[in-house]
């Protein structure tokens, strides 16, 4: 029993350590980091129509809408539709900047999938790069290395390399998206405003 407690304690310390910055930052440093990166996903805010090409699924199309929450996070819904606009696939993603670790953290949510499709992202020059796991709940896990590029006010491009063997091998440019804006950027006000 003591060995089990020791092992549990060691695992807890390791898990907490993975979420803790190596060097503790001051409040001023945390604020500066947040202020420098809070707009990294602003280009995604609004409504988009897109076309997609996937090595696994072929060509497709859909709609993507992103809003800023009153507390600064970004919530988006990504929907693949058929020719009659019937939904084939939909996922929601919550993006939140972690100033302590100097990165964006994401969690994708599909119906019945829980909160297991997690990832991280960072602005790299004029691009945004994300690495995220998908399909964790179903047991068909894949990792996508996503690159948003050619980011402009009314359009952006997206490509993803895909691994189905925990990053040992990669299918290059496995999925591609071309998006163009169909609606303006918007925010979602407080859900529980002070009264």
Protein backbone atom coordinates (compact mmCIF):
# COMPACT_ATOMS: atom_id res chain seq x y z
CA UNK A 1 0.00 0.00 0.00
CA UNK A 2 2.85 2.41 0.81
CA UNK A 3 4.39 1.66 -2.59
CA UNK A 4 1.08 2.45 -4.28
CA UNK A 5 0.84 5.77 -2.41
CA UNK A 6 4.43 6.60 -3.37
CA UNK A 7 3.74 5.77 -7.03
CA UNK A 8 0.51 7.79 -7.01
CA UNK A 9 2.33 10.73 -5.44
CA UNK A 10 5.13 10.52 -8.02
CA UNK A 11 2.60 10.44 -10.88
CA UNK A 12 0.77 13.44 -9.44
CA UNK A 13 4.01 15.42 -9.16
CA UNK A 14 4.94 14.50 -12.75
CA UNK A 15 1.53 15.50 -14.10
CA UNK A 16 1.52 18.79 -12.24
CA UNK A 17 5.09 19.45 -13.34
CA UNK A 18 4.08 19.04 -16.96
CA UNK A 19 1.63 21.93 -16.54
CA UNK A 20 3.93 24.15 -14.47
CA UNK A 21 6.36 26.60 -16.06
CA UNK A 22 10.04 25.86 -15.37
CA UNK A 23 10.65 29.46 -14.27
CA UNK A 24 7.92 31.14 -12.30
CA UNK A 25 6.91 34.38 -13.99
CA UNK A 26 5.92 37.58 -12.24
CA UNK A 27 2.43 39.01 -12.69
CA UNK A 28 3.94 41.69 -14.89
CA UNK A 29 5.65 39.06 -17.10
CA UNK A 30 2.44 37.01 -17.33
CA UNK A 31 0.44 40.10 -18.34
CA UNK A 32 3.07 41.09 -20.94
CA UNK A 33 3.01 37.57 -22.42
CA UNK A 34 -0.78 37.52 -22.55
CA UNK A 35 -0.96 40.99 -24.10
CA UNK A 36 1.62 40.01 -26.73
CA UNK A 37 -0.33 36.90 -27.80
CA UNK A 38 -4.01 37.51 -27.02
CA UNK A 39 -4.63 38.43 -30.68
CA UNK A 40 -2.86 35.46 -32.27
CA UNK A 41 -6.19 33.90 -33.37
CA UNK A 42 -8.04 37.15 -34.15
CA UNK A 43 -7.93 36.32 -37.87
CA UNK A 44 -10.20 33.32 -37.18
CA UNK A 45 -12.96 35.43 -35.58
CA UNK A 46 -16.07 35.61 -37.74
CA UNK A 47 -17.83 33.33 -40.19
CA UNK A 48 -16.08 31.37 -42.92
CA UNK A 49 -16.95 29.09 -45.78
CA UNK A 50 -14.28 26.61 -46.81
CA UNK A 51 -13.34 23.84 -49.20
CA UNK A 52 -11.24 20.94 -48.07
CA UNK A 53 -9.16 18.15 -49.58
CA UNK A 54 -8.33 15.10 -47.48
CA UNK A 55 -6.29 12.07 -48.51
CA UNK A 56 -8.72 9.90 -46.52
CA UNK A 57 -12.07 11.57 -47.33
CA UNK A 58 -11.52 13.36 -50.65
CA UNK A 59 -13.00 16.81 -51.29
CA UNK A 60 -15.49 18.54 -49.06
CA UNK A 61 -16.90 21.85 -47.95
CA UNK A 62 -18.21 23.47 -44.84
CA UNK A 63 -18.61 26.39 -42.51
CA UNK A 64 -16.48 27.63 -39.62
CA UNK A 65 -17.49 30.24 -37.06
CA UNK A 66 -15.35 31.61 -34.25
CA UNK A 67 -16.21 34.04 -31.45
CA UNK A 68 -14.21 35.60 -28.65
CA UNK A 69 -15.64 34.91 -25.22
CA UNK A 70 -15.94 37.76 -22.73
CA UNK A 71 -13.03 36.23 -20.78
CA UNK A 72 -10.67 36.26 -23.80
CA UNK A 73 -10.81 32.66 -24.99
CA UNK A 74 -11.84 31.74 -28.55
CA UNK A 75 -14.65 29.26 -29.18
CA UNK A 76 -15.20 27.93 -32.68
CA UNK A 77 -17.43 25.47 -34.47
CA UNK A 78 -16.15 23.65 -37.56
CA UNK A 79 -18.78 21.89 -39.68
CA UNK A 80 -18.33 19.71 -42.80
CA UNK A 81 -21.52 19.61 -44.87
CA UNK A 82 -22.85 17.68 -47.85
CA UNK A 83 -24.29 19.02 -51.09
CA UNK A 84 -27.64 19.72 -49.39
CA UNK A 85 -25.90 21.31 -46.37
CA UNK A 86 -26.52 18.22 -44.24
CA UNK A 87 -23.92 17.90 -41.47
CA UNK A 88 -21.34 15.18 -41.98
CA UNK A 89 -19.00 16.17 -39.15
CA UNK A 90 -18.94 18.90 -36.52
CA UNK A 91 -16.48 19.78 -33.79
CA UNK A 92 -16.13 22.69 -31.38
CA UNK A 93 -12.78 23.92 -30.13
CA UNK A 94 -11.94 26.11 -27.16
CA UNK A 95 -8.63 27.99 -27.47
CA UNK A 96 -7.07 29.64 -24.43
CA UNK A 97 -3.70 31.34 -24.06
CA UNK A 98 -1.51 30.05 -21.20
CA UNK A 99 0.80 32.95 -20.30
CA UNK A 100 2.79 30.80 -17.84
CA UNK A 101 3.76 28.32 -20.54
CA UNK A 102 3.76 30.91 -23.36
CA UNK A 103 1.47 28.92 -25.66
CA UNK A 104 -2.11 28.48 -26.74
CA UNK A 105 -3.88 25.40 -25.41
CA UNK A 106 -6.80 23.84 -27.25
CA UNK A 107 -9.42 21.24 -26.57
CA UNK A 108 -11.63 19.92 -29.35
CA UNK A 109 -15.04 18.51 -28.55
CA UNK A 110 -17.23 16.17 -30.58
CA UNK A 111 -20.49 14.69 -29.36
CA UNK A 112 -19.71 11.85 -26.96
CA UNK A 113 -15.96 12.47 -27.20
CA UNK A 114 -15.36 14.22 -23.90
CA UNK A 115 -12.46 16.63 -23.47
CA UNK A 116 -9.63 14.43 -24.71
CA UNK A 117 -8.69 15.96 -28.09
CA UNK A 118 -6.10 18.40 -26.75
CA UNK A 119 -3.34 20.37 -28.40
CA UNK A 120 -1.07 23.37 -28.24
CA UNK A 121 -0.42 26.22 -30.63
CA UNK A 122 1.88 29.18 -31.22
CA UNK A 123 2.25 32.06 -33.63
CA UNK A 124 5.38 31.57 -35.75
CA UNK A 125 6.04 34.72 -37.77
CA UNK A 126 3.00 35.29 -39.99
CA UNK A 127 1.68 31.75 -39.42
CA UNK A 128 -0.03 29.88 -36.57
CA UNK A 129 1.09 26.29 -35.85
CA UNK A 130 -0.91 23.74 -33.85
CA UNK A 131 -0.26 20.16 -32.82
CA UNK A 132 -3.39 18.39 -31.64
CA UNK A 133 -4.68 14.86 -31.05
CA UNK A 134 -8.03 13.82 -32.52
CA UNK A 135 -10.21 10.73 -32.05
CA UNK A 136 -8.88 9.90 -28.58
CA UNK A 137 -12.27 8.74 -27.21
CA UNK A 138 -12.90 6.43 -30.19
CA UNK A 139 -9.47 4.82 -29.94
CA UNK A 140 -8.63 5.95 -33.50
CA UNK A 141 -6.18 8.59 -32.38
CA UNK A 142 -4.35 10.69 -34.89
CA UNK A 143 -2.09 13.67 -34.41
CA UNK A 144 -2.34 16.64 -36.71
CA UNK A 145 0.41 19.21 -37.18
CA UNK A 146 -1.63 22.11 -38.48
CA UNK A 147 -0.29 25.22 -40.18
CA UNK A 148 -2.46 28.31 -40.82
CA UNK A 149 -0.79 30.46 -43.48
CA UNK A 150 -1.53 33.08 -46.14
CA UNK A 151 -3.62 34.73 -43.41
CA UNK A 152 -5.46 37.78 -44.72
CA UNK A 153 -8.50 39.73 -43.64
CA UNK A 154 -10.85 37.80 -45.93
CA UNK A 155 -9.14 34.43 -46.36
CA UNK A 156 -6.60 31.96 -45.03
CA UNK A 157 -5.09 28.62 -45.95
CA UNK A 158 -4.67 25.60 -43.68
CA UNK A 159 -2.70 22.39 -44.11
CA UNK A 160 -2.09 19.45 -41.78
CA UNK A 161 0.38 16.60 -41.66
CA UNK A 162 -1.17 13.51 -40.01
CA UNK A 163 0.25 10.68 -37.93
CA UNK A 164 -1.69 7.60 -36.85
CA UNK A 165 1.25 5.94 -35.05
CA UNK A 166 1.93 8.49 -32.28
CA UNK A 167 4.28 10.59 -34.41
CA UNK A 168 6.56 7.85 -35.73
CA UNK A 169 5.54 8.49 -39.36
CA UNK A 170 3.67 11.37 -41.01
CA UNK A 171 1.43 11.75 -44.05
CA UNK A 172 2.52 15.15 -45.40
CA UNK A 173 -0.20 17.61 -46.48
CA UNK A 174 -2.80 14.98 -45.52
CA UNK A 175 -5.54 17.61 -45.28
CA UNK A 176 -5.89 21.08 -46.80
CA UNK A 177 -8.41 23.88 -46.32
CA UNK A 178 -9.01 27.11 -48.22
CA UNK A 179 -11.30 29.45 -46.26
CA UNK A 180 -12.92 32.73 -47.23
CA UNK A 181 -14.83 35.11 -44.99
CA UNK A 182 -18.62 35.30 -45.20
CA UNK A 183 -19.30 37.14 -41.91
CA UNK A 184 -17.60 39.72 -39.67
CA UNK A 185 -15.62 39.10 -36.50
CA UNK A 186 -17.75 39.00 -33.38
CA UNK A 187 -17.64 38.38 -29.66
CA UNK A 188 -19.92 36.59 -27.22
CA UNK A 189 -20.77 38.67 -24.16
CA UNK A 190 -20.73 37.46 -20.58
CA UNK A 191 -22.92 34.41 -20.04
CA UNK A 192 -23.54 35.31 -16.40
CA UNK A 193 -23.31 39.11 -16.22
CA UNK A 194 -23.36 40.84 -12.85
CA UNK A 195 -26.87 42.05 -12.02
